């Protein structure tokens, strides 16, 4: 919901079920 770059705005909304998979 946000960027490493502090000049970018934050997400107005929500994030859930974030997943990283070690393969495509």
PDBML (XML) file of the C-alpha atoms, coordinates in Angstrom:
<?xml version="1.0" encoding="UTF-8" ?>
<PDBx:datablock datablockName="MODEL"
   xmlns:PDBx="http://pdbml.pdb.org/schema/pdbx-v50.xsd"
   xmlns:xsi="http://www.w3.org/2001/XMLSchema-instance"
   xsi:schemaLocation="http://pdbml.pdb.org/schema/pdbx-v50.xsd pdbx-v50.xsd">
   <PDBx:atom_siteCategory>
      <PDBx:atom_site id="1">
         <PDBx:B_iso_or_equiv>0.00</PDBx:B_iso_or_equiv>
         <PDBx:Cartn_x>0.000</PDBx:Cartn_x>
         <PDBx:Cartn_y>0.000</PDBx:Cartn_y>
         <PDBx:Cartn_z>0.000</PDBx:Cartn_z>
         <PDBx:auth_asym_id>A</PDBx:auth_asym_id>
         <PDBx:auth_atom_id>CA</PDBx:auth_atom_id>
         <PDBx:auth_comp_id>UNK</PDBx:auth_comp_id>
         <PDBx:auth_seq_id>1</PDBx:auth_seq_id>
         <PDBx:group_PDB>ATOM</PDBx:group_PDB>
         <PDBx:label_alt_id xsi:nil="true" />
         <PDBx:label_asym_id>A</PDBx:label_asym_id>
         <PDBx:label_atom_id>CA</PDBx:label_atom_id>
         <PDBx:label_comp_id>UNK</PDBx:label_comp_id>
         <PDBx:label_entity_id>1</PDBx:label_entity_id>
         <PDBx:label_seq_id>1</PDBx:label_seq_id>
         <PDBx:occupancy>1.00</PDBx:occupancy>
         <PDBx:pdbx_PDB_model_num>1</PDBx:pdbx_PDB_model_num>
         <PDBx:type_symbol>C</PDBx:type_symbol>
      </PDBx:atom_site>
      <PDBx:atom_site id="2">
         <PDBx:B_iso_or_equiv>0.00</PDBx:B_iso_or_equiv>
         <PDBx:Cartn_x>2.934</PDBx:Cartn_x>
         <PDBx:Cartn_y>2.355</PDBx:Cartn_y>
         <PDBx:Cartn_z>-0.269</PDBx:Cartn_z>
         <PDBx:auth_asym_id>A</PDBx:auth_asym_id>
         <PDBx:auth_atom_id>CA</PDBx:auth_atom_id>
         <PDBx:auth_comp_id>UNK</PDBx:auth_comp_id>
         <PDBx:auth_seq_id>2</PDBx:auth_seq_id>
         <PDBx:group_PDB>ATOM</PDBx:group_PDB>
         <PDBx:label_alt_id xsi:nil="true" />
         <PDBx:label_asym_id>A</PDBx:label_asym_id>
         <PDBx:label_atom_id>CA</PDBx:label_atom_id>
         <PDBx:label_comp_id>UNK</PDBx:label_comp_id>
         <PDBx:label_entity_id>1</PDBx:label_entity_id>
         <PDBx:label_seq_id>2</PDBx:label_seq_id>
         <PDBx:occupancy>1.00</PDBx:occupancy>
         <PDBx:pdbx_PDB_model_num>1</PDBx:pdbx_PDB_model_num>
         <PDBx:type_symbol>C</PDBx:type_symbol>
      </PDBx:atom_site>
      <PDBx:atom_site id="3">
         <PDBx:B_iso_or_equiv>0.00</PDBx:B_iso_or_equiv>
         <PDBx:Cartn_x>6.108</PDBx:Cartn_x>
         <PDBx:Cartn_y>2.988</PDBx:Cartn_y>
         <PDBx:Cartn_z>-2.224</PDBx:Cartn_z>
         <PDBx:auth_asym_id>A</PDBx:auth_asym_id>
         <PDBx:auth_atom_id>CA</PDBx:auth_atom_id>
         <PDBx:auth_comp_id>UNK</PDBx:auth_comp_id>
         <PDBx:auth_seq_id>3</PDBx:auth_seq_id>
         <PDBx:group_PDB>ATOM</PDBx:group_PDB>
         <PDBx:label_alt_id xsi:nil="true" />
         <PDBx:label_asym_id>A</PDBx:label_asym_id>
         <PDBx:label_atom_id>CA</PDBx:label_atom_id>
         <PDBx:label_comp_id>UNK</PDBx:label_comp_id>
         <PDBx:label_entity_id>1</PDBx:label_entity_id>
         <PDBx:label_seq_id>3</PDBx:label_seq_id>
         <PDBx:occupancy>1.00</PDBx:occupancy>
         <PDBx:pdbx_PDB_model_num>1</PDBx:pdbx_PDB_model_num>
         <PDBx:type_symbol>C</PDBx:type_symbol>
      </PDBx:atom_site>
      <PDBx:atom_site id="4">
         <PDBx:B_iso_or_equiv>0.00</PDBx:B_iso_or_equiv>
         <PDBx:Cartn_x>9.756</PDBx:Cartn_x>
         <PDBx:Cartn_y>3.059</PDBx:Cartn_y>
         <PDBx:Cartn_z>-1.261</PDBx:Cartn_z>
         <PDBx:auth_asym_id>A</PDBx:auth_asym_id>
         <PDBx:auth_atom_id>CA</PDBx:auth_atom_id>
         <PDBx:auth_comp_id>UNK</PDBx:auth_comp_id>
         <PDBx:auth_seq_id>4</PDBx:auth_seq_id>
         <PDBx:group_PDB>ATOM</PDBx:group_PDB>
         <PDBx:label_alt_id xsi:nil="true" />
         <PDBx:label_asym_id>A</PDBx:label_asym_id>
         <PDBx:label_atom_id>CA</PDBx:label_atom_id>
         <PDBx:label_comp_id>UNK</PDBx:label_comp_id>
         <PDBx:label_entity_id>1</PDBx:label_entity_id>
         <PDBx:label_seq_id>4</PDBx:label_seq_id>
         <PDBx:occupancy>1.00</PDBx:occupancy>
         <PDBx:pdbx_PDB_model_num>1</PDBx:pdbx_PDB_model_num>
         <PDBx:type_symbol>C</PDBx:type_symbol>
      </PDBx:atom_site>
      <PDBx:atom_site id="5">
         <PDBx:B_iso_or_equiv>0.00</PDBx:B_iso_or_equiv>
         <PDBx:Cartn_x>9.670</PDBx:Cartn_x>
         <PDBx:Cartn_y>6.518</PDBx:Cartn_y>
         <PDBx:Cartn_z>-2.844</PDBx:Cartn_z>
         <PDBx:auth_asym_id>A</PDBx:auth_asym_id>
         <PDBx:auth_atom_id>CA</PDBx:auth_atom_id>
         <PDBx:auth_comp_id>UNK</PDBx:auth_comp_id>
         <PDBx:auth_seq_id>5</PDBx:auth_seq_id>
         <PDBx:group_PDB>ATOM</PDBx:group_PDB>
         <PDBx:label_alt_id xsi:nil="true" />
         <PDBx:label_asym_id>A</PDBx:label_asym_id>
         <PDBx:label_atom_id>CA</PDBx:label_atom_id>
         <PDBx:label_comp_id>UNK</PDBx:label_comp_id>
         <PDBx:label_entity_id>1</PDBx:label_entity_id>
         <PDBx:label_seq_id>5</PDBx:label_seq_id>
         <PDBx:occupancy>1.00</PDBx:occupancy>
         <PDBx:pdbx_PDB_model_num>1</PDBx:pdbx_PDB_model_num>
         <PDBx:type_symbol>C</PDBx:type_symbol>
      </PDBx:atom_site>
      <PDBx:atom_site id="6">
         <PDBx:B_iso_or_equiv>0.00</PDBx:B_iso_or_equiv>
         <PDBx:Cartn_x>8.227</PDBx:Cartn_x>
         <PDBx:Cartn_y>8.917</PDBx:Cartn_y>
         <PDBx:Cartn_z>-0.268</PDBx:Cartn_z>
         <PDBx:auth_asym_id>A</PDBx:auth_asym_id>
         <PDBx:auth_atom_id>CA</PDBx:auth_atom_id>
         <PDBx:auth_comp_id>UNK</PDBx:auth_comp_id>
         <PDBx:auth_seq_id>6</PDBx:auth_seq_id>
         <PDBx:group_PDB>ATOM</PDBx:group_PDB>
         <PDBx:label_alt_id xsi:nil="true" />
         <PDBx:label_asym_id>A</PDBx:label_asym_id>
         <PDBx:label_atom_id>CA</PDBx:label_atom_id>
         <PDBx:label_comp_id>UNK</PDBx:label_comp_id>
         <PDBx:label_entity_id>1</PDBx:label_entity_id>
         <PDBx:label_seq_id>6</PDBx:label_seq_id>
         <PDBx:occupancy>1.00</PDBx:occupancy>
         <PDBx:pdbx_PDB_model_num>1</PDBx:pdbx_PDB_model_num>
         <PDBx:type_symbol>C</PDBx:type_symbol>
      </PDBx:atom_site>
      <PDBx:atom_site id="7">
         <PDBx:B_iso_or_equiv>0.00</PDBx:B_iso_or_equiv>
         <PDBx:Cartn_x>6.928</PDBx:Cartn_x>
         <PDBx:Cartn_y>11.255</PDBx:Cartn_y>
         <PDBx:Cartn_z>-2.992</PDBx:Cartn_z>
         <PDBx:auth_asym_id>A</PDBx:auth_asym_id>
         <PDBx:auth_atom_id>CA</PDBx:auth_atom_id>
         <PDBx:auth_comp_id>UNK</PDBx:auth_comp_id>
         <PDBx:auth_seq_id>7</PDBx:auth_seq_id>
         <PDBx:group_PDB>ATOM</PDBx:group_PDB>
         <PDBx:label_alt_id xsi:nil="true" />
         <PDBx:label_asym_id>A</PDBx:label_asym_id>
         <PDBx:label_atom_id>CA</PDBx:label_atom_id>
         <PDBx:label_comp_id>UNK</PDBx:label_comp_id>
         <PDBx:label_entity_id>1</PDBx:label_entity_id>
         <PDBx:label_seq_id>7</PDBx:label_seq_id>
         <PDBx:occupancy>1.00</PDBx:occupancy>
         <PDBx:pdbx_PDB_model_num>1</PDBx:pdbx_PDB_model_num>
         <PDBx:type_symbol>C</PDBx:type_symbol>
      </PDBx:atom_site>
      <PDBx:atom_site id="8">
         <PDBx:B_iso_or_equiv>0.00</PDBx:B_iso_or_equiv>
         <PDBx:Cartn_x>4.364</PDBx:Cartn_x>
         <PDBx:Cartn_y>8.658</PDBx:Cartn_y>
         <PDBx:Cartn_z>-4.134</PDBx:Cartn_z>
         <PDBx:auth_asym_id>A</PDBx:auth_asym_id>
         <PDBx:auth_atom_id>CA</PDBx:auth_atom_id>
         <PDBx:auth_comp_id>UNK</PDBx:auth_comp_id>
         <PDBx:auth_seq_id>8</PDBx:auth_seq_id>
         <PDBx:group_PDB>ATOM</PDBx:group_PDB>
         <PDBx:label_alt_id xsi:nil="true" />
         <PDBx:label_asym_id>A</PDBx:label_asym_id>
         <PDBx:label_atom_id>CA</PDBx:label_atom_id>
         <PDBx:label_comp_id>UNK</PDBx:label_comp_id>
         <PDBx:label_entity_id>1</PDBx:label_entity_id>
         <PDBx:label_seq_id>8</PDBx:label_seq_id>
         <PDBx:occupancy>1.00</PDBx:occupancy>
         <PDBx:pdbx_PDB_model_num>1</PDBx:pdbx_PDB_model_num>
         <PDBx:type_symbol>C</PDBx:type_symbol>
      </PDBx:atom_site>
      <PDBx:atom_site id="9">
         <PDBx:B_iso_or_equiv>0.00</PDBx:B_iso_or_equiv>
         <PDBx:Cartn_x>0.929</PDBx:Cartn_x>
         <PDBx:Cartn_y>8.695</PDBx:Cartn_y>
         <PDBx:Cartn_z>-2.496</PDBx:Cartn_z>
         <PDBx:auth_asym_id>A</PDBx:auth_asym_id>
         <PDBx:auth_atom_id>CA</PDBx:auth_atom_id>
         <PDBx:auth_comp_id>UNK</PDBx:auth_comp_id>
         <PDBx:auth_seq_id>9</PDBx:auth_seq_id>
         <PDBx:group_PDB>ATOM</PDBx:group_PDB>
         <PDBx:label_alt_id xsi:nil="true" />
         <PDBx:label_asym_id>A</PDBx:label_asym_id>
         <PDBx:label_atom_id>CA</PDBx:label_atom_id>
         <PDBx:label_comp_id>UNK</PDBx:label_comp_id>
         <PDBx:label_entity_id>1</PDBx:label_entity_id>
         <PDBx:label_seq_id>9</PDBx:label_seq_id>
         <PDBx:occupancy>1.00</PDBx:occupancy>
         <PDBx:pdbx_PDB_model_num>1</PDBx:pdbx_PDB_model_num>
         <PDBx:type_symbol>C</PDBx:type_symbol>
      </PDBx:atom_site>
      <PDBx:atom_site id="10">
         <PDBx:B_iso_or_equiv>0.00</PDBx:B_iso_or_equiv>
         <PDBx:Cartn_x>-0.274</PDBx:Cartn_x>
         <PDBx:Cartn_y>5.881</PDBx:Cartn_y>
         <PDBx:Cartn_z>-0.244</PDBx:Cartn_z>
         <PDBx:auth_asym_id>A</PDBx:auth_asym_id>
         <PDBx:auth_atom_id>CA</PDBx:auth_atom_id>
         <PDBx:auth_comp_id>UNK</PDBx:auth_comp_id>
         <PDBx:auth_seq_id>10</PDBx:auth_seq_id>
         <PDBx:group_PDB>ATOM</PDBx:group_PDB>
         <PDBx:label_alt_id xsi:nil="true" />
         <PDBx:label_asym_id>A</PDBx:label_asym_id>
         <PDBx:label_atom_id>CA</PDBx:label_atom_id>
         <PDBx:label_comp_id>UNK</PDBx:label_comp_id>
         <PDBx:label_entity_id>1</PDBx:label_entity_id>
         <PDBx:label_seq_id>10</PDBx:label_seq_id>
         <PDBx:occupancy>1.00</PDBx:occupancy>
         <PDBx:pdbx_PDB_model_num>1</PDBx:pdbx_PDB_model_num>
         <PDBx:type_symbol>C</PDBx:type_symbol>
      </PDBx:atom_site>
      <PDBx:atom_site id="11">
         <PDBx:B_iso_or_equiv>0.00</PDBx:B_iso_or_equiv>
         <PDBx:Cartn_x>-2.936</PDBx:Cartn_x>
         <PDBx:Cartn_y>3.444</PDBx:Cartn_y>
         <PDBx:Cartn_z>-1.411</PDBx:Cartn_z>
         <PDBx:auth_asym_id>A</PDBx:auth_asym_id>
         <PDBx:auth_atom_id>CA</PDBx:auth_atom_id>
         <PDBx:auth_comp_id>UNK</PDBx:auth_comp_id>
         <PDBx:auth_seq_id>11</PDBx:auth_seq_id>
         <PDBx:group_PDB>ATOM</PDBx:group_PDB>
         <PDBx:label_alt_id xsi:nil="true" />
         <PDBx:label_asym_id>A</PDBx:label_asym_id>
         <PDBx:label_atom_id>CA</PDBx:label_atom_id>
         <PDBx:label_comp_id>UNK</PDBx:label_comp_id>
         <PDBx:label_entity_id>1</PDBx:label_entity_id>
         <PDBx:label_seq_id>11</PDBx:label_seq_id>
         <PDBx:occupancy>1.00</PDBx:occupancy>
         <PDBx:pdbx_PDB_model_num>1</PDBx:pdbx_PDB_model_num>
         <PDBx:type_symbol>C</PDBx:type_symbol>
      </PDBx:atom_site>
      <PDBx:atom_site id="12">
         <PDBx:B_iso_or_equiv>0.00</PDBx:B_iso_or_equiv>
         <PDBx:Cartn_x>-6.462</PDBx:Cartn_x>
         <PDBx:Cartn_y>4.461</PDBx:Cartn_y>
         <PDBx:Cartn_z>-0.413</PDBx:Cartn_z>
         <PDBx:auth_asym_id>A</PDBx:auth_asym_id>
         <PDBx:auth_atom_id>CA</PDBx:auth_atom_id>
         <PDBx:auth_comp_id>UNK</PDBx:auth_comp_id>
         <PDBx:auth_seq_id>12</PDBx:auth_seq_id>
         <PDBx:group_PDB>ATOM</PDBx:group_PDB>
         <PDBx:label_alt_id xsi:nil="true" />
         <PDBx:label_asym_id>A</PDBx:label_asym_id>
         <PDBx:label_atom_id>CA</PDBx:label_atom_id>
         <PDBx:label_comp_id>UNK</PDBx:label_comp_id>
         <PDBx:label_entity_id>1</PDBx:label_entity_id>
         <PDBx:label_seq_id>12</PDBx:label_seq_id>
         <PDBx:occupancy>1.00</PDBx:occupancy>
         <PDBx:pdbx_PDB_model_num>1</PDBx:pdbx_PDB_model_num>
         <PDBx:type_symbol>C</PDBx:type_symbol>
      </PDBx:atom_site>
      <PDBx:atom_site id="13">
         <PDBx:B_iso_or_equiv>0.00</PDBx:B_iso_or_equiv>
         <PDBx:Cartn_x>-7.942</PDBx:Cartn_x>
         <PDBx:Cartn_y>1.014</PDBx:Cartn_y>
         <PDBx:Cartn_z>-0.090</PDBx:Cartn_z>
         <PDBx:auth_asym_id>A</PDBx:auth_asym_id>
         <PDBx:auth_atom_id>CA</PDBx:auth_atom_id>
         <PDBx:auth_comp_id>UNK</PDBx:auth_comp_id>
         <PDBx:auth_seq_id>13</PDBx:auth_seq_id>
         <PDBx:group_PDB>ATOM</PDBx:group_PDB>
         <PDBx:label_alt_id xsi:nil="true" />
         <PDBx:label_asym_id>A</PDBx:label_asym_id>
         <PDBx:label_atom_id>CA</PDBx:label_atom_id>
         <PDBx:label_comp_id>UNK</PDBx:label_comp_id>
         <PDBx:label_entity_id>1</PDBx:label_entity_id>
         <PDBx:label_seq_id>13</PDBx:label_seq_id>
         <PDBx:occupancy>1.00</PDBx:occupancy>
         <PDBx:pdbx_PDB_model_num>1</PDBx:pdbx_PDB_model_num>
         <PDBx:type_symbol>C</PDBx:type_symbol>
      </PDBx:atom_site>
      <PDBx:atom_site id="14">
         <PDBx:B_iso_or_equiv>0.00</PDBx:B_iso_or_equiv>
         <PDBx:Cartn_x>-6.790</PDBx:Cartn_x>
         <PDBx:Cartn_y>-2.308</PDBx:Cartn_y>
         <PDBx:Cartn_z>1.315</PDBx:Cartn_z>
         <PDBx:auth_asym_id>A</PDBx:auth_asym_id>
         <PDBx:auth_atom_id>CA</PDBx:auth_atom_id>
         <PDBx:auth_comp_id>UNK</PDBx:auth_comp_id>
         <PDBx:auth_seq_id>14</PDBx:auth_seq_id>
         <PDBx:group_PDB>ATOM</PDBx:group_PDB>
         <PDBx:label_alt_id xsi:nil="true" />
         <PDBx:label_asym_id>A</PDBx:label_asym_id>
         <PDBx:label_atom_id>CA</PDBx:label_atom_id>
         <PDBx:label_comp_id>UNK</PDBx:label_comp_id>
         <PDBx:label_entity_id>1</PDBx:label_entity_id>
         <PDBx:label_seq_id>14</PDBx:label_seq_id>
         <PDBx:occupancy>1.00</PDBx:occupancy>
         <PDBx:pdbx_PDB_model_num>1</PDBx:pdbx_PDB_model_num>
         <PDBx:type_symbol>C</PDBx:type_symbol>
      </PDBx:atom_site>
      <PDBx:atom_site id="15">
         <PDBx:B_iso_or_equiv>0.00</PDBx:B_iso_or_equiv>
         <PDBx:Cartn_x>-4.563</PDBx:Cartn_x>
         <PDBx:Cartn_y>-5.297</PDBx:Cartn_y>
         <PDBx:Cartn_z>0.561</PDBx:Cartn_z>
         <PDBx:auth_asym_id>A</PDBx:auth_asym_id>
         <PDBx:auth_atom_id>CA</PDBx:auth_atom_id>
         <PDBx:auth_comp_id>UNK</PDBx:auth_comp_id>
         <PDBx:auth_seq_id>15</PDBx:auth_seq_id>
         <PDBx:group_PDB>ATOM</PDBx:group_PDB>
         <PDBx:label_alt_id xsi:nil="true" />
         <PDBx:label_asym_id>A</PDBx:label_asym_id>
         <PDBx:label_atom_id>CA</PDBx:label_atom_id>
         <PDBx:label_comp_id>UNK</PDBx:label_comp_id>
         <PDBx:label_entity_id>1</PDBx:label_entity_id>
         <PDBx:label_seq_id>15</PDBx:label_seq_id>
         <PDBx:occupancy>1.00</PDBx:occupancy>
         <PDBx:pdbx_PDB_model_num>1</PDBx:pdbx_PDB_model_num>
         <PDBx:type_symbol>C</PDBx:type_symbol>
      </PDBx:atom_site>
      <PDBx:atom_site id="16">
         <PDBx:B_iso_or_equiv>0.00</PDBx:B_iso_or_equiv>
         <PDBx:Cartn_x>-5.134</PDBx:Cartn_x>
         <PDBx:Cartn_y>-8.854</PDBx:Cartn_y>
         <PDBx:Cartn_z>1.796</PDBx:Cartn_z>
         <PDBx:auth_asym_id>A</PDBx:auth_asym_id>
         <PDBx:auth_atom_id>CA</PDBx:auth_atom_id>
         <PDBx:auth_comp_id>UNK</PDBx:auth_comp_id>
         <PDBx:auth_seq_id>16</PDBx:auth_seq_id>
         <PDBx:group_PDB>ATOM</PDBx:group_PDB>
         <PDBx:label_alt_id xsi:nil="true" />
         <PDBx:label_asym_id>A</PDBx:label_asym_id>
         <PDBx:label_atom_id>CA</PDBx:label_atom_id>
         <PDBx:label_comp_id>UNK</PDBx:label_comp_id>
         <PDBx:label_entity_id>1</PDBx:label_entity_id>
         <PDBx:label_seq_id>16</PDBx:label_seq_id>
         <PDBx:occupancy>1.00</PDBx:occupancy>
         <PDBx:pdbx_PDB_model_num>1</PDBx:pdbx_PDB_model_num>
         <PDBx:type_symbol>C</PDBx:type_symbol>
      </PDBx:atom_site>
      <PDBx:atom_site id="17">
         <PDBx:B_iso_or_equiv>0.00</PDBx:B_iso_or_equiv>
         <PDBx:Cartn_x>-3.955</PDBx:Cartn_x>
         <PDBx:Cartn_y>-12.376</PDBx:Cartn_y>
         <PDBx:Cartn_z>0.971</PDBx:Cartn_z>
         <PDBx:auth_asym_id>A</PDBx:auth_asym_id>
         <PDBx:auth_atom_id>CA</PDBx:auth_atom_id>
         <PDBx:auth_comp_id>UNK</PDBx:auth_comp_id>
         <PDBx:auth_seq_id>17</PDBx:auth_seq_id>
         <PDBx:group_PDB>ATOM</PDBx:group_PDB>
         <PDBx:label_alt_id xsi:nil="true" />
         <PDBx:label_asym_id>A</PDBx:label_asym_id>
         <PDBx:label_atom_id>CA</PDBx:label_atom_id>
         <PDBx:label_comp_id>UNK</PDBx:label_comp_id>
         <PDBx:label_entity_id>1</PDBx:label_entity_id>
         <PDBx:label_seq_id>17</PDBx:label_seq_id>
         <PDBx:occupancy>1.00</PDBx:occupancy>
         <PDBx:pdbx_PDB_model_num>1</PDBx:pdbx_PDB_model_num>
         <PDBx:type_symbol>C</PDBx:type_symbol>
      </PDBx:atom_site>
      <PDBx:atom_site id="18">
         <PDBx:B_iso_or_equiv>0.00</PDBx:B_iso_or_equiv>
         <PDBx:Cartn_x>-0.506</PDBx:Cartn_x>
         <PDBx:Cartn_y>-11.188</PDBx:Cartn_y>
         <PDBx:Cartn_z>-0.129</PDBx:Cartn_z>
         <PDBx:auth_asym_id>A</PDBx:auth_asym_id>
         <PDBx:auth_atom_id>CA</PDBx:auth_atom_id>
         <PDBx:auth_comp_id>UNK</PDBx:auth_comp_id>
         <PDBx:auth_seq_id>18</PDBx:auth_seq_id>
         <PDBx:group_PDB>ATOM</PDBx:group_PDB>
         <PDBx:label_alt_id xsi:nil="true" />
         <PDBx:label_asym_id>A</PDBx:label_asym_id>
         <PDBx:label_atom_id>CA</PDBx:label_atom_id>
         <PDBx:label_comp_id>UNK</PDBx:label_comp_id>
         <PDBx:label_entity_id>1</PDBx:label_entity_id>
         <PDBx:label_seq_id>18</PDBx:label_seq_id>
         <PDBx:occupancy>1.00</PDBx:occupancy>
         <PDBx:pdbx_PDB_model_num>1</PDBx:pdbx_PDB_model_num>
         <PDBx:type_symbol>C</PDBx:type_symbol>
      </PDBx:atom_site>
      <PDBx:atom_site id="19">
         <PDBx:B_iso_or_equiv>0.00</PDBx:B_iso_or_equiv>
         <PDBx:Cartn_x>1.559</PDBx:Cartn_x>
         <PDBx:Cartn_y>-14.179</PDBx:Cartn_y>
         <PDBx:Cartn_z>-1.290</PDBx:Cartn_z>
         <PDBx:auth_asym_id>A</PDBx:auth_asym_id>
         <PDBx:auth_atom_id>CA</PDBx:auth_atom_id>
         <PDBx:auth_comp_id>UNK</PDBx:auth_comp_id>
         <PDBx:auth_seq_id>19</PDBx:auth_seq_id>
         <PDBx:group_PDB>ATOM</PDBx:group_PDB>
         <PDBx:label_alt_id xsi:nil="true" />
         <PDBx:label_asym_id>A</PDBx:label_asym_id>
         <PDBx:label_atom_id>CA</PDBx:label_atom_id>
         <PDBx:label_comp_id>UNK</PDBx:label_comp_id>
         <PDBx:label_entity_id>1</PDBx:label_entity_id>
         <PDBx:label_seq_id>19</PDBx:label_seq_id>
         <PDBx:occupancy>1.00</PDBx:occupancy>
         <PDBx:pdbx_PDB_model_num>1</PDBx:pdbx_PDB_model_num>
         <PDBx:type_symbol>C</PDBx:type_symbol>
      </PDBx:atom_site>
      <PDBx:atom_site id="20">
         <PDBx:B_iso_or_equiv>0.00</PDBx:B_iso_or_equiv>
         <PDBx:Cartn_x>5.026</PDBx:Cartn_x>
         <PDBx:Cartn_y>-14.793</PDBx:Cartn_y>
         <PDBx:Cartn_z>-2.699</PDBx:Cartn_z>
         <PDBx:auth_asym_id>A</PDBx:auth_asym_id>
         <PDBx:auth_atom_id>CA</PDBx:auth_atom_id>
         <PDBx:auth_comp_id>UNK</PDBx:auth_comp_id>
         <PDBx:auth_seq_id>20</PDBx:auth_seq_id>
         <PDBx:group_PDB>ATOM</PDBx:group_PDB>
         <PDBx:label_alt_id xsi:nil="true" />
         <PDBx:label_asym_id>A</PDBx:label_asym_id>
         <PDBx:label_atom_id>CA</PDBx:label_atom_id>
         <PDBx:label_comp_id>UNK</PDBx:label_comp_id>
         <PDBx:label_entity_id>1</PDBx:label_entity_id>
         <PDBx:label_seq_id>20</PDBx:label_seq_id>
         <PDBx:occupancy>1.00</PDBx:occupancy>
         <PDBx:pdbx_PDB_model_num>1</PDBx:pdbx_PDB_model_num>
         <PDBx:type_symbol>C</PDBx:type_symbol>
      </PDBx:atom_site>
      <PDBx:atom_site id="21">
         <PDBx:B_iso_or_equiv>0.00</PDBx:B_iso_or_equiv>
         <PDBx:Cartn_x>5.638</PDBx:Cartn_x>
         <PDBx:Cartn_y>-18.029</PDBx:Cartn_y>
         <PDBx:Cartn_z>-4.594</PDBx:Cartn_z>
         <PDBx:auth_asym_id>A</PDBx:auth_asym_id>
         <PDBx:auth_atom_id>CA</PDBx:auth_atom_id>
         <PDBx:auth_comp_id>UNK</PDBx:auth_comp_id>
         <PDBx:auth_seq_id>21</PDBx:auth_seq_id>
         <PDBx:group_PDB>ATOM</PDBx:group_PDB>
         <PDBx:label_alt_id xsi:nil="true" />
         <PDBx:label_asym_id>A</PDBx:label_asym_id>
         <PDBx:label_atom_id>CA</PDBx:label_atom_id>
         <PDBx:label_comp_id>UNK</PDBx:label_comp_id>
         <PDBx:label_entity_id>1</PDBx:label_entity_id>
         <PDBx:label_seq_id>21</PDBx:label_seq_id>
         <PDBx:occupancy>1.00</PDBx:occupancy>
         <PDBx:pdbx_PDB_model_num>1</PDBx:pdbx_PDB_model_num>
         <PDBx:type_symbol>C</PDBx:type_symbol>
      </PDBx:atom_site>
      <PDBx:atom_site id="22">
         <PDBx:B_iso_or_equiv>0.00</PDBx:B_iso_or_equiv>
         <PDBx:Cartn_x>9.121</PDBx:Cartn_x>
         <PDBx:Cartn_y>-19.285</PDBx:Cartn_y>
         <PDBx:Cartn_z>-5.424</PDBx:Cartn_z>
         <PDBx:auth_asym_id>A</PDBx:auth_asym_id>
         <PDBx:auth_atom_id>CA</PDBx:auth_atom_id>
         <PDBx:auth_comp_id>UNK</PDBx:auth_comp_id>
         <PDBx:auth_seq_id>22</PDBx:auth_seq_id>
         <PDBx:group_PDB>ATOM</PDBx:group_PDB>
         <PDBx:label_alt_id xsi:nil="true" />
         <PDBx:label_asym_id>A</PDBx:label_asym_id>
         <PDBx:label_atom_id>CA</PDBx:label_atom_id>
         <PDBx:label_comp_id>UNK</PDBx:label_comp_id>
         <PDBx:label_entity_id>1</PDBx:label_entity_id>
         <PDBx:label_seq_id>22</PDBx:label_seq_id>
         <PDBx:occupancy>1.00</PDBx:occupancy>
         <PDBx:pdbx_PDB_model_num>1</PDBx:pdbx_PDB_model_num>
         <PDBx:type_symbol>C</PDBx:type_symbol>
      </PDBx:atom_site>
      <PDBx:atom_site id="23">
         <PDBx:B_iso_or_equiv>0.00</PDBx:B_iso_or_equiv>
         <PDBx:Cartn_x>8.029</PDBx:Cartn_x>
         <PDBx:Cartn_y>-20.183</PDBx:Cartn_y>
         <PDBx:Cartn_z>-8.966</PDBx:Cartn_z>
         <PDBx:auth_asym_id>A</PDBx:auth_asym_id>
         <PDBx:auth_atom_id>CA</PDBx:auth_atom_id>
         <PDBx:auth_comp_id>UNK</PDBx:auth_comp_id>
         <PDBx:auth_seq_id>23</PDBx:auth_seq_id>
         <PDBx:group_PDB>ATOM</PDBx:group_PDB>
         <PDBx:label_alt_id xsi:nil="true" />
         <PDBx:label_asym_id>A</PDBx:label_asym_id>
         <PDBx:label_atom_id>CA</PDBx:label_atom_id>
         <PDBx:label_comp_id>UNK</PDBx:label_comp_id>
         <PDBx:label_entity_id>1</PDBx:label_entity_id>
         <PDBx:label_seq_id>23</PDBx:label_seq_id>
         <PDBx:occupancy>1.00</PDBx:occupancy>
         <PDBx:pdbx_PDB_model_num>1</PDBx:pdbx_PDB_model_num>
         <PDBx:type_symbol>C</PDBx:type_symbol>
      </PDBx:atom_site>
      <PDBx:atom_site id="24">
         <PDBx:B_iso_or_equiv>0.00</PDBx:B_iso_or_equiv>
         <PDBx:Cartn_x>5.894</PDBx:Cartn_x>
         <PDBx:Cartn_y>-18.798</PDBx:Cartn_y>
         <PDBx:Cartn_z>-11.746</PDBx:Cartn_z>
         <PDBx:auth_asym_id>A</PDBx:auth_asym_id>
         <PDBx:auth_atom_id>CA</PDBx:auth_atom_id>
         <PDBx:auth_comp_id>UNK</PDBx:auth_comp_id>
         <PDBx:auth_seq_id>24</PDBx:auth_seq_id>
         <PDBx:group_PDB>ATOM</PDBx:group_PDB>
         <PDBx:label_alt_id xsi:nil="true" />
         <PDBx:label_asym_id>A</PDBx:label_asym_id>
         <PDBx:label_atom_id>CA</PDBx:label_atom_id>
         <PDBx:label_comp_id>UNK</PDBx:label_comp_id>
         <PDBx:label_entity_id>1</PDBx:label_entity_id>
         <PDBx:label_seq_id>24</PDBx:label_seq_id>
         <PDBx:occupancy>1.00</PDBx:occupancy>
         <PDBx:pdbx_PDB_model_num>1</PDBx:pdbx_PDB_model_num>
         <PDBx:type_symbol>C</PDBx:type_symbol>
      </PDBx:atom_site>
   </PDBx:atom_siteCategory>
</PDBx:datablock>
